[in-house]
Amino acid sequence: MRLLAALLLVLLTPTALAQDAQRLDLATHTVSLEVGGNAAPVSLNLDARLAGGYVLRFGGMLYPLWETYESADAFEDDAYVPATPSFGTGTLTVSRLYGRGRARIEVGGGVLGRFNNTDNPGYFPSTVGLTGVFGLRVQPERGDFGVRLAFTPLVDRRGLHAIGGFALLYGFS
């Protein structure tokens, strides 16, 4: 609870650092492909840069696992068919960008939901948890690429999970 209170204090405290987004023509929206991170092993994300250096991010992924037909009637070519999504994640975070120029420190947090309807949930059981974002973001200009490297811990009913990720960002509008 203290961690959440400290995180909210950092996010909601006004900063004296000037945001120079208009001068650099930084993208107001980015789409990213993230490897690792809080959502899943691989996820797609959409970010919207808000006033005051805040970023609203929604992301996730659906993973259709393959089912095997073991019936004698199944044709050999049709033995493997895609199942309904068996594993999925969704994350919603709010971050604050600190600094000037394209390279910014990113600090934030949010919620993560995950479902797994397979017989063996393994490392990815269904859960709802809180997630943090602590990292470096090279914000892309419009029509350009950027990167994000972040430590994204997850706290759920099973405890604290230290997770990190790398994302390739593409900026637009």
C-alpha atoms as a PDB file:
ATOM      1  CA  MET A   1       0.000   0.000   0.000  1.00  0.00           C
ATOM      2  CA  ARG A   2       2.900   2.357   0.748  1.00  0.00           C
ATOM      3  CA  LEU A   3       4.372   1.579  -2.684  1.00  0.00           C
ATOM      4  CA  LEU A   4       1.067   2.474  -4.353  1.00  0.00           C
ATOM      5  CA  ALA A   5       0.797   5.711  -2.347  1.00  0.00           C
ATOM      6  CA  ALA A   6       4.366   6.686  -3.269  1.00  0.00           C
ATOM      7  CA  LEU A   7       3.697   5.874  -6.918  1.00  0.00           C
ATOM      8  CA  LEU A   8       0.563   8.037  -6.949  1.00  0.00           C
ATOM      9  CA  LEU A   9       2.482  10.871  -5.285  1.00  0.00           C
ATOM     10  CA  VAL A  10       5.151  10.745  -8.008  1.00  0.00           C
ATOM     11  CA  LEU A  11       2.545  10.630 -10.770  1.00  0.00           C
ATOM     12  CA  LEU A  12       0.384  13.431  -9.429  1.00  0.00           C
ATOM     13  CA  THR A  13       3.078  15.836  -8.228  1.00  0.00           C
ATOM     14  CA  PRO A  14       3.608  18.703 -10.687  1.00  0.00           C
ATOM     15  CA  THR A  15       7.086  18.885 -12.155  1.00  0.00           C
ATOM     16  CA  ALA A  16       9.136  21.976 -12.997  1.00  0.00           C
ATOM     17  CA  LEU A  17      10.648  20.291 -16.052  1.00  0.00           C
ATOM     18  CA  ALA A  18       9.336  21.872 -19.256  1.00  0.00           C
ATOM     19  CA  GLN A  19       7.861  19.594 -21.867  1.00  0.00           C
ATOM     20  CA  ASP A  20       9.172  20.458 -25.319  1.00  0.00           C
ATOM     21  CA  ALA A  21       6.880  18.197 -27.320  1.00  0.00           C
ATOM     22  CA  GLN A  22       5.703  20.864 -29.772  1.00  0.00           C
ATOM     23  CA  ARG A  23       9.252  21.977 -30.657  1.00  0.00           C
ATOM     24  CA  LEU A  24      10.372  18.398 -31.349  1.00  0.00           C
ATOM     25  CA  ASP A  25       7.095  17.363 -33.027  1.00  0.00           C
ATOM     26  CA  LEU A  26       6.869  14.277 -30.827  1.00  0.00           C
ATOM     27  CA  ALA A  27       4.167  11.793 -31.737  1.00  0.00           C
ATOM     28  CA  THR A  28       0.969  12.029 -29.715  1.00  0.00           C
ATOM     29  CA  HIS A  29       0.209   8.336 -30.278  1.00  0.00           C
ATOM     30  CA  THR A  30       2.463   5.315 -30.542  1.00  0.00           C
ATOM     31  CA  VAL A  31       1.868   1.699 -31.346  1.00  0.00           C
ATOM     32  CA  SER A  32       4.424  -0.774 -30.049  1.00  0.00           C
ATOM     33  CA  LEU A  33       5.469  -4.384 -30.179  1.00  0.00           C
ATOM     34  CA  GLU A  34       6.821  -5.386 -26.784  1.00  0.00           C
ATOM     35  CA  VAL A  35       8.875  -8.432 -25.866  1.00  0.00           C
ATOM     36  CA  GLY A  36       8.683  -9.224 -22.194  1.00  0.00           C
ATOM     37  CA  GLY A  37       6.978  -6.559 -20.171  1.00  0.00           C
ATOM     38  CA  ASN A  38       3.960  -6.808 -17.925  1.00  0.00           C
ATOM     39  CA  ALA A  39       1.328  -7.897 -20.443  1.00  0.00           C
ATOM     40  CA  ALA A  40       2.737 -11.082 -21.959  1.00  0.00           C
ATOM     41  CA  PRO A  41       5.792 -12.661 -23.554  1.00  0.00           C
ATOM     42  CA  VAL A  42       4.884 -10.663 -26.692  1.00  0.00           C
ATOM     43  CA  SER A  43       2.224  -7.941 -26.768  1.00  0.00           C
ATOM     44  CA  LEU A  44       0.831  -5.088 -28.835  1.00  0.00           C
ATOM     45  CA  ASN A  45       0.291  -1.728 -27.165  1.00  0.00           C
ATOM     46  CA  LEU A  46      -1.244   1.639 -27.995  1.00  0.00           C
ATOM     47  CA  ASP A  47      -0.023   4.753 -26.163  1.00  0.00           C
ATOM     48  CA  ALA A  48      -1.572   8.212 -26.073  1.00  0.00           C
ATOM     49  CA  ARG A  49       0.545  11.110 -24.810  1.00  0.00           C
ATOM     50  CA  LEU A  50      -1.558  13.386 -22.626  1.00  0.00           C
ATOM     51  CA  ALA A  51      -1.000  16.894 -21.266  1.00  0.00           C
ATOM     52  CA  GLY A  52       1.614  17.381 -18.577  1.00  0.00           C
ATOM     53  CA  GLY A  53       3.889  14.570 -19.728  1.00  0.00           C
ATOM     54  CA  TYR A  54       1.466  11.730 -18.951  1.00  0.00           C
ATOM     55  CA  VAL A  55       1.058   8.646 -21.130  1.00  0.00           C
ATOM     56  CA  LEU A  56      -2.025   6.411 -21.171  1.00  0.00           C
ATOM     57  CA  ARG A  57      -1.195   2.915 -22.409  1.00  0.00           C
ATOM     58  CA  PHE A  58      -3.447  -0.013 -23.295  1.00  0.00           C
ATOM     59  CA  GLY A  59      -2.000  -3.292 -24.450  1.00  0.00           C
ATOM     60  CA  GLY A  60      -2.312  -7.021 -24.495  1.00  0.00           C
ATOM     61  CA  MET A  61      -2.406 -10.139 -26.601  1.00  0.00           C
ATOM     62  CA  LEU A  62      -4.577 -13.154 -27.302  1.00  0.00           C
ATOM     63  CA  TYR A  63      -2.801 -16.458 -27.840  1.00  0.00           C
ATOM     64  CA  PRO A  64      -4.722 -19.178 -29.667  1.00  0.00           C
ATOM     65  CA  LEU A  65      -3.247 -22.500 -28.648  1.00  0.00           C
ATOM     66  CA  TRP A  66      -3.502 -25.432 -30.981  1.00  0.00           C
ATOM     67  CA  GLU A  67      -5.804 -28.350 -30.245  1.00  0.00           C
ATOM     68  CA  THR A  68      -5.059 -31.838 -31.492  1.00  0.00           C
ATOM     69  CA  TYR A  69      -7.854 -34.044 -32.794  1.00  0.00           C
ATOM     70  CA  GLU A  70      -7.166 -37.601 -31.792  1.00  0.00           C
ATOM     71  CA  SER A  71     -10.244 -39.045 -33.386  1.00  0.00           C
ATOM     72  CA  ALA A  72      -9.806 -41.751 -35.995  1.00  0.00           C
ATOM     73  CA  ASP A  73     -12.136 -39.717 -38.238  1.00  0.00           C
ATOM     74  CA  ALA A  74      -9.850 -36.682 -38.329  1.00  0.00           C
ATOM     75  CA  PHE A  75      -8.006 -36.178 -41.568  1.00  0.00           C
ATOM     76  CA  GLU A  76      -4.248 -35.986 -41.286  1.00  0.00           C
ATOM     77  CA  ASP A  77      -4.142 -32.442 -42.701  1.00  0.00           C
ATOM     78  CA  ASP A  78      -6.805 -31.324 -40.238  1.00  0.00           C
ATOM     79  CA  ALA A  79      -5.178 -32.870 -37.163  1.00  0.00           C
ATOM     80  CA  TYR A  80      -4.210 -29.448 -35.775  1.00  0.00           C
ATOM     81  CA  VAL A  81      -6.659 -26.583 -35.755  1.00  0.00           C
ATOM     82  CA  PRO A  82      -6.529 -23.259 -33.933  1.00  0.00           C
ATOM     83  CA  ALA A  83      -8.488 -23.232 -30.716  1.00  0.00           C
ATOM     84  CA  THR A  84     -10.408 -20.332 -29.293  1.00  0.00           C
ATOM     85  CA  PRO A  85      -8.067 -17.900 -27.527  1.00  0.00           C
ATOM     86  CA  SER A  86      -6.664 -19.952 -24.682  1.00  0.00           C
ATOM     87  CA  PHE A  87      -4.483 -17.363 -23.063  1.00  0.00           C
ATOM     88  CA  GLY A  88      -4.820 -13.607 -23.048  1.00  0.00           C
ATOM     89  CA  THR A  89      -3.733 -10.481 -21.259  1.00  0.00           C
ATOM     90  CA  GLY A  90      -4.762  -6.882 -21.046  1.00  0.00           C
ATOM     91  CA  THR A  91      -3.024  -4.015 -19.307  1.00  0.00           C
ATOM     92  CA  LEU A  92      -3.934  -0.385 -18.683  1.00  0.00           C
ATOM     93  CA  THR A  93      -1.248   1.928 -17.303  1.00  0.00           C
ATOM     94  CA  VAL A  94      -0.687   5.626 -16.713  1.00  0.00           C
ATOM     95  CA  SER A  95       2.909   6.851 -16.764  1.00  0.00           C
ATOM     96  CA  ARG A  96       4.663  10.160 -16.353  1.00  0.00           C
ATOM     97  CA  LEU A  97       7.547  11.109 -18.621  1.00  0.00           C
ATOM     98  CA  TYR A  98      10.343  13.122 -16.997  1.00  0.00           C
ATOM     99  CA  GLY A  99      13.031  14.975 -18.892  1.00  0.00           C
ATOM    100  CA  ARG A 100      13.535  16.923 -22.093  1.00  0.00           C
ATOM    101  CA  GLY A 101      14.082  15.887 -25.669  1.00  0.00           C
ATOM    102  CA  ARG A 102      13.241  12.464 -27.005  1.00  0.00           C
ATOM    103  CA  ALA A 103      14.857  10.431 -24.185  1.00  0.00           C
ATOM    104  CA  ARG A 104      12.637  10.431 -21.098  1.00  0.00           C
ATOM    105  CA  ILE A 105      12.469   8.600 -17.791  1.00  0.00           C
ATOM    106  CA  GLU A 106       9.108   6.837 -17.464  1.00  0.00           C
ATOM    107  CA  VAL A 107       7.456   6.133 -14.089  1.00  0.00           C
ATOM    108  CA  GLY A 108       3.926   4.812 -13.730  1.00  0.00           C
ATOM    109  CA  GLY A 109       1.575   2.042 -12.806  1.00  0.00           C
ATOM    110  CA  GLY A 110      -1.699   0.370 -13.621  1.00  0.00           C
ATOM    111  CA  VAL A 111      -3.689  -2.845 -13.661  1.00  0.00           C
ATOM    112  CA  LEU A 112      -3.247  -6.109 -15.507  1.00  0.00           C
ATOM    113  CA  GLY A 113      -5.783  -8.842 -16.203  1.00  0.00           C
ATOM    114  CA  ARG A 114      -4.860 -12.265 -17.499  1.00  0.00           C
ATOM    115  CA  PHE A 115      -6.968 -15.288 -18.393  1.00  0.00           C
ATOM    116  CA  ASN A 116      -5.855 -18.816 -19.113  1.00  0.00           C
ATOM    117  CA  ASN A 117      -8.446 -21.460 -19.923  1.00  0.00           C
ATOM    118  CA  THR A 118      -5.989 -24.263 -20.686  1.00  0.00           C
ATOM    119  CA  ASP A 119      -5.637 -27.423 -18.625  1.00  0.00           C
ATOM    120  CA  ASN A 120      -2.134 -26.416 -17.518  1.00  0.00           C
ATOM    121  CA  PRO A 121      -1.894 -22.720 -16.576  1.00  0.00           C
ATOM    122  CA  GLY A 122       1.814 -23.045 -15.703  1.00  0.00           C
ATOM    123  CA  TYR A 123       3.479 -19.672 -15.217  1.00  0.00           C
ATOM    124  CA  PHE A 124       0.497 -17.722 -16.617  1.00  0.00           C
ATOM    125  CA  PRO A 125      -2.537 -18.466 -14.428  1.00  0.00           C
ATOM    126  CA  SER A 126      -5.643 -16.297 -14.602  1.00  0.00           C
ATOM    127  CA  THR A 127      -5.103 -13.278 -12.385  1.00  0.00           C
ATOM    128  CA  VAL A 128      -5.713  -9.590 -11.807  1.00  0.00           C
ATOM    129  CA  GLY A 129      -2.881  -7.528 -10.402  1.00  0.00           C
ATOM    130  CA  LEU A 130      -1.136  -4.202 -10.092  1.00  0.00           C
ATOM    131  CA  THR A 131       1.814  -3.397 -12.315  1.00  0.00           C
ATOM    132  CA  GLY A 132       4.495  -0.753 -12.282  1.00  0.00           C
ATOM    133  CA  VAL A 133       6.509   0.940 -15.028  1.00  0.00           C
ATOM    134  CA  PHE A 134      10.053   2.155 -14.371  1.00  0.00           C
ATOM    135  CA  GLY A 135      12.183   2.723 -17.424  1.00  0.00           C
ATOM    136  CA  LEU A 136      13.646   4.704 -20.259  1.00  0.00           C
ATOM    137  CA  ARG A 137      11.611   5.738 -23.298  1.00  0.00           C
ATOM    138  CA  VAL A 138      13.014   7.279 -26.453  1.00  0.00           C
ATOM    139  CA  GLN A 139       9.812   8.931 -27.676  1.00  0.00           C
ATOM    140  CA  PRO A 140       9.431   8.863 -31.467  1.00  0.00           C
ATOM    141  CA  GLU A 141       8.627  11.877 -33.565  1.00  0.00           C
ATOM    142  CA  ARG A 142       5.693  11.595 -35.971  1.00  0.00           C
ATOM    143  CA  GLY A 143       6.388   8.900 -38.573  1.00  0.00           C
ATOM    144  CA  ASP A 144       9.510   7.720 -36.753  1.00  0.00           C
ATOM    145  CA  PHE A 145      10.574   4.881 -34.477  1.00  0.00           C
ATOM    146  CA  GLY A 146      11.559   4.896 -30.819  1.00  0.00           C
ATOM    147  CA  VAL A 147      12.308   2.351 -28.097  1.00  0.00           C
ATOM    148  CA  ARG A 148      11.257   1.635 -24.552  1.00  0.00           C
ATOM    149  CA  LEU A 149      13.210  -0.393 -21.994  1.00  0.00           C
ATOM    150  CA  ALA A 150      11.386  -0.861 -18.706  1.00  0.00           C
ATOM    151  CA  PHE A 151      11.217  -2.779 -15.457  1.00  0.00           C
ATOM    152  CA  THR A 152       7.545  -3.701 -15.096  1.00  0.00           C
ATOM    153  CA  PRO A 153       6.949  -5.546 -11.814  1.00  0.00           C
ATOM    154  CA  LEU A 154       3.629  -7.288 -11.253  1.00  0.00           C
ATOM    155  CA  VAL A 155       1.947  -7.807  -7.879  1.00  0.00           C
ATOM    156  CA  ASP A 156      -0.871 -10.360  -7.857  1.00  0.00           C
ATOM    157  CA  ARG A 157      -2.255 -13.000  -5.503  1.00  0.00           C
ATOM    158  CA  ARG A 158       0.899 -15.107  -5.997  1.00  0.00           C
ATOM    159  CA  GLY A 159       3.230 -12.307  -4.882  1.00  0.00           C
ATOM    160  CA  LEU A 160       5.720  -9.981  -6.554  1.00  0.00           C
ATOM    161  CA  HIS A 161       7.051 -10.871 -10.014  1.00  0.00           C
ATOM    162  CA  ALA A 162      10.085  -9.003 -11.349  1.00  0.00           C
ATOM    163  CA  ILE A 163       9.444  -8.569 -15.080  1.00  0.00           C
ATOM    164  CA  GLY A 164      11.079  -6.358 -17.671  1.00  0.00           C
ATOM    165  CA  GLY A 165      10.598  -5.692 -21.338  1.00  0.00           C
ATOM    166  CA  PHE A 166      11.806  -4.058 -24.526  1.00  0.00           C
ATOM    167  CA  ALA A 167       9.454  -2.363 -26.996  1.00  0.00           C
ATOM    168  CA  LEU A 168       9.834  -0.936 -30.477  1.00  0.00           C
ATOM    169  CA  LEU A 169       7.580   2.140 -30.820  1.00  0.00           C
ATOM    170  CA  TYR A 170       6.183   3.754 -33.952  1.00  0.00           C
ATOM    171  CA  GLY A 171       4.845   7.292 -33.599  1.00  0.00           C
ATOM    172  CA  PHE A 172       1.887   8.765 -35.462  1.00  0.00           C
ATOM    173  CA  SER A 173      -0.497  11.769 -35.348  1.00  0.00           C
END
